[in-house]
Amino acid sequence: MLPMNTINKKSAAMEDMKINVKLKISALWIAMLFVFAYVDIFAFYRPEVIEGIMAGKVATFQIDQVFLFLTTLYILIPTIMIFLSLVLKPTVNRWTNIIVGIFYFVSILLSLIGEIWAFYIFGSIVESLLLSLIVWYAWKWPKQE
């Protein structure tokens, strides 16, 4: 009989699959959007936010058709990036993710100007880290062998 520590040594190794860069980037867009959505949802718990919305204001912006259209467009771009990251050709995919990732990274940093709420700052940092990973994976896109 073999000693206990030598039994099933081969079966103890866990399988590790190489995950395609397209899947990694797509998953990062999904994760970023979840954080983005929840930070915005949690913002409704801040004092006077709901009252401001009912009065037609979000921060310094008037809620009107232009504001809602631009907000929808702002959210649709990373939403569509989930799909585009999976289907675009590698060169176009790489540059699209780098450009869009940097744009959203900068826009999130700009949204922090004057912000004092810790949850919003923390959420924005997490979003920025996820976007940094998107840009990094796109930048380091593996070359075909």
Protein backbone atom coordinates (compact mmCIF):
# COMPACT_ATOMS: atom_id res chain seq x y z
CA MET A 1 0.00 0.00 0.00
CA LEU A 2 1.27 3.47 -0.93
CA PRO A 3 1.68 6.17 1.70
CA MET A 4 -1.23 8.60 1.90
CA ASN A 5 0.73 11.60 0.56
CA THR A 6 1.60 9.85 -2.73
CA ILE A 7 -1.91 8.64 -3.51
CA ASN A 8 -3.74 10.75 -6.07
CA LYS A 9 -0.94 13.29 -6.49
CA LYS A 10 -1.81 13.54 -10.18
CA SER A 11 -5.51 13.93 -9.48
CA ALA A 12 -4.83 16.67 -6.92
CA ALA A 13 -3.69 19.09 -9.61
CA MET A 14 -6.57 21.31 -10.62
CA GLU A 15 -7.31 21.97 -14.26
CA ASP A 16 -6.46 25.45 -15.46
CA MET A 17 -7.70 26.60 -18.86
CA LYS A 18 -6.23 29.50 -20.77
CA ILE A 19 -8.99 32.08 -21.14
CA ASN A 20 -9.11 34.02 -24.38
CA VAL A 21 -8.36 37.74 -24.07
CA LYS A 22 -11.74 38.53 -25.69
CA LEU A 23 -13.56 36.73 -22.86
CA LYS A 24 -11.45 38.46 -20.22
CA ILE A 25 -12.15 41.91 -21.65
CA SER A 26 -15.85 41.21 -22.11
CA ALA A 27 -16.12 39.97 -18.51
CA LEU A 28 -14.34 43.10 -17.28
CA TRP A 29 -16.87 45.31 -19.11
CA ILE A 30 -19.67 43.36 -17.41
CA ALA A 31 -18.06 43.73 -13.97
CA MET A 32 -17.45 47.45 -14.54
CA LEU A 33 -21.09 47.99 -15.52
CA PHE A 34 -22.33 46.15 -12.41
CA VAL A 35 -20.22 48.37 -10.16
CA PHE A 36 -21.28 51.42 -12.17
CA ALA A 37 -24.98 50.54 -11.82
CA TYR A 38 -24.85 49.73 -8.11
CA VAL A 39 -22.92 52.88 -7.22
CA ASP A 40 -25.58 54.90 -9.05
CA ILE A 41 -28.40 52.95 -7.36
CA PHE A 42 -26.82 53.44 -3.92
CA ALA A 43 -26.59 57.17 -4.66
CA PHE A 44 -30.39 57.32 -4.37
CA TYR A 45 -29.96 56.76 -0.61
CA ARG A 46 -28.09 60.03 -0.25
CA PRO A 47 -30.13 62.77 1.42
CA GLU A 48 -32.06 65.00 -0.97
CA VAL A 49 -31.18 63.03 -4.13
CA ILE A 50 -34.73 61.77 -4.70
CA GLU A 51 -36.12 65.23 -3.96
CA GLY A 52 -33.71 66.71 -6.51
CA ILE A 53 -34.75 64.16 -9.12
CA MET A 54 -38.42 64.90 -8.45
CA ALA A 55 -37.61 68.59 -8.92
CA GLY A 56 -35.94 67.77 -12.25
CA LYS A 57 -32.30 68.04 -11.21
CA VAL A 58 -29.38 65.61 -10.98
CA ALA A 59 -26.37 67.31 -9.39
CA THR A 60 -26.01 70.44 -11.54
CA PHE A 61 -27.83 69.01 -14.55
CA GLN A 62 -31.41 69.67 -15.55
CA ILE A 63 -33.27 66.43 -16.28
CA ASP A 64 -34.62 66.80 -19.78
CA GLN A 65 -34.63 64.82 -23.02
CA VAL A 66 -31.06 65.82 -23.88
CA PHE A 67 -29.75 64.80 -20.45
CA LEU A 68 -31.58 61.45 -20.56
CA PHE A 69 -30.47 60.78 -24.15
CA LEU A 70 -26.82 61.51 -23.34
CA THR A 71 -27.00 59.43 -20.15
CA THR A 72 -28.46 56.53 -22.13
CA LEU A 73 -25.73 56.89 -24.75
CA TYR A 74 -23.08 56.99 -22.02
CA ILE A 75 -24.32 53.68 -20.62
CA LEU A 76 -24.97 52.00 -23.98
CA ILE A 77 -21.38 52.32 -25.17
CA PRO A 78 -19.82 50.06 -22.47
CA THR A 79 -22.87 47.80 -22.69
CA ILE A 80 -22.24 47.29 -26.40
CA MET A 81 -18.52 46.80 -25.65
CA ILE A 82 -19.45 43.53 -23.92
CA PHE A 83 -20.54 42.15 -27.30
CA LEU A 84 -18.02 43.98 -29.47
CA SER A 85 -15.14 42.64 -27.34
CA LEU A 86 -16.20 39.16 -28.39
CA VAL A 87 -16.83 39.70 -32.12
CA LEU A 88 -14.51 42.41 -33.45
CA LYS A 89 -11.34 41.43 -35.29
CA PRO A 90 -8.29 41.54 -32.99
CA THR A 91 -6.70 44.77 -34.25
CA VAL A 92 -9.96 46.74 -34.25
CA ASN A 93 -10.96 45.09 -30.97
CA ARG A 94 -7.67 46.02 -29.33
CA TRP A 95 -7.81 49.70 -30.30
CA THR A 96 -11.54 50.04 -29.59
CA ASN A 97 -11.05 48.70 -26.07
CA ILE A 98 -8.02 50.91 -25.46
CA ILE A 99 -9.77 54.08 -26.67
CA VAL A 100 -13.15 53.44 -25.04
CA GLY A 101 -11.50 52.17 -21.85
CA ILE A 102 -9.36 55.30 -21.52
CA PHE A 103 -12.34 57.57 -22.28
CA TYR A 104 -14.42 55.97 -19.51
CA PHE A 105 -11.46 55.94 -17.11
CA VAL A 106 -11.06 59.71 -17.59
CA SER A 107 -14.81 60.37 -17.36
CA ILE A 108 -15.03 58.46 -14.07
CA LEU A 109 -12.09 60.40 -12.64
CA LEU A 110 -13.75 63.67 -13.71
CA SER A 111 -16.96 62.59 -11.96
CA LEU A 112 -15.00 62.46 -8.70
CA ILE A 113 -14.29 66.19 -8.71
CA GLY A 114 -15.81 67.58 -5.52
CA GLU A 115 -17.12 64.18 -4.42
CA ILE A 116 -17.05 63.51 -0.64
CA TRP A 117 -19.03 60.29 -0.29
CA ALA A 118 -16.75 57.34 0.46
CA PHE A 119 -18.93 54.72 -1.28
CA TYR A 120 -18.88 56.76 -4.51
CA ILE A 121 -15.12 57.32 -4.35
CA PHE A 122 -14.48 53.64 -3.60
CA GLY A 123 -16.84 52.48 -6.37
CA SER A 124 -15.18 54.87 -8.82
CA ILE A 125 -11.75 53.52 -7.86
CA VAL A 126 -12.97 49.96 -8.50
CA GLU A 127 -14.47 51.01 -11.85
CA SER A 128 -11.17 52.69 -12.75
CA LEU A 129 -9.20 49.56 -11.83
CA LEU A 130 -11.49 47.40 -13.97
CA LEU A 131 -11.12 49.84 -16.87
CA SER A 132 -7.34 49.82 -16.37
CA LEU A 133 -7.40 46.04 -16.71
CA ILE A 134 -9.44 46.34 -19.92
CA VAL A 135 -6.87 48.73 -21.38
CA TRP A 136 -3.96 46.59 -20.12
CA TYR A 137 -5.35 43.33 -21.58
CA ALA A 138 -6.10 45.09 -24.86
CA TRP A 139 -2.62 46.65 -24.93
CA LYS A 140 -0.94 43.30 -24.19
CA TRP A 141 -3.15 41.44 -26.71
CA PRO A 142 -1.33 38.16 -27.44
CA LYS A 143 0.25 37.78 -30.86
CA GLN A 144 -0.75 34.84 -33.02
CA GLU A 145 1.84 32.04 -33.00
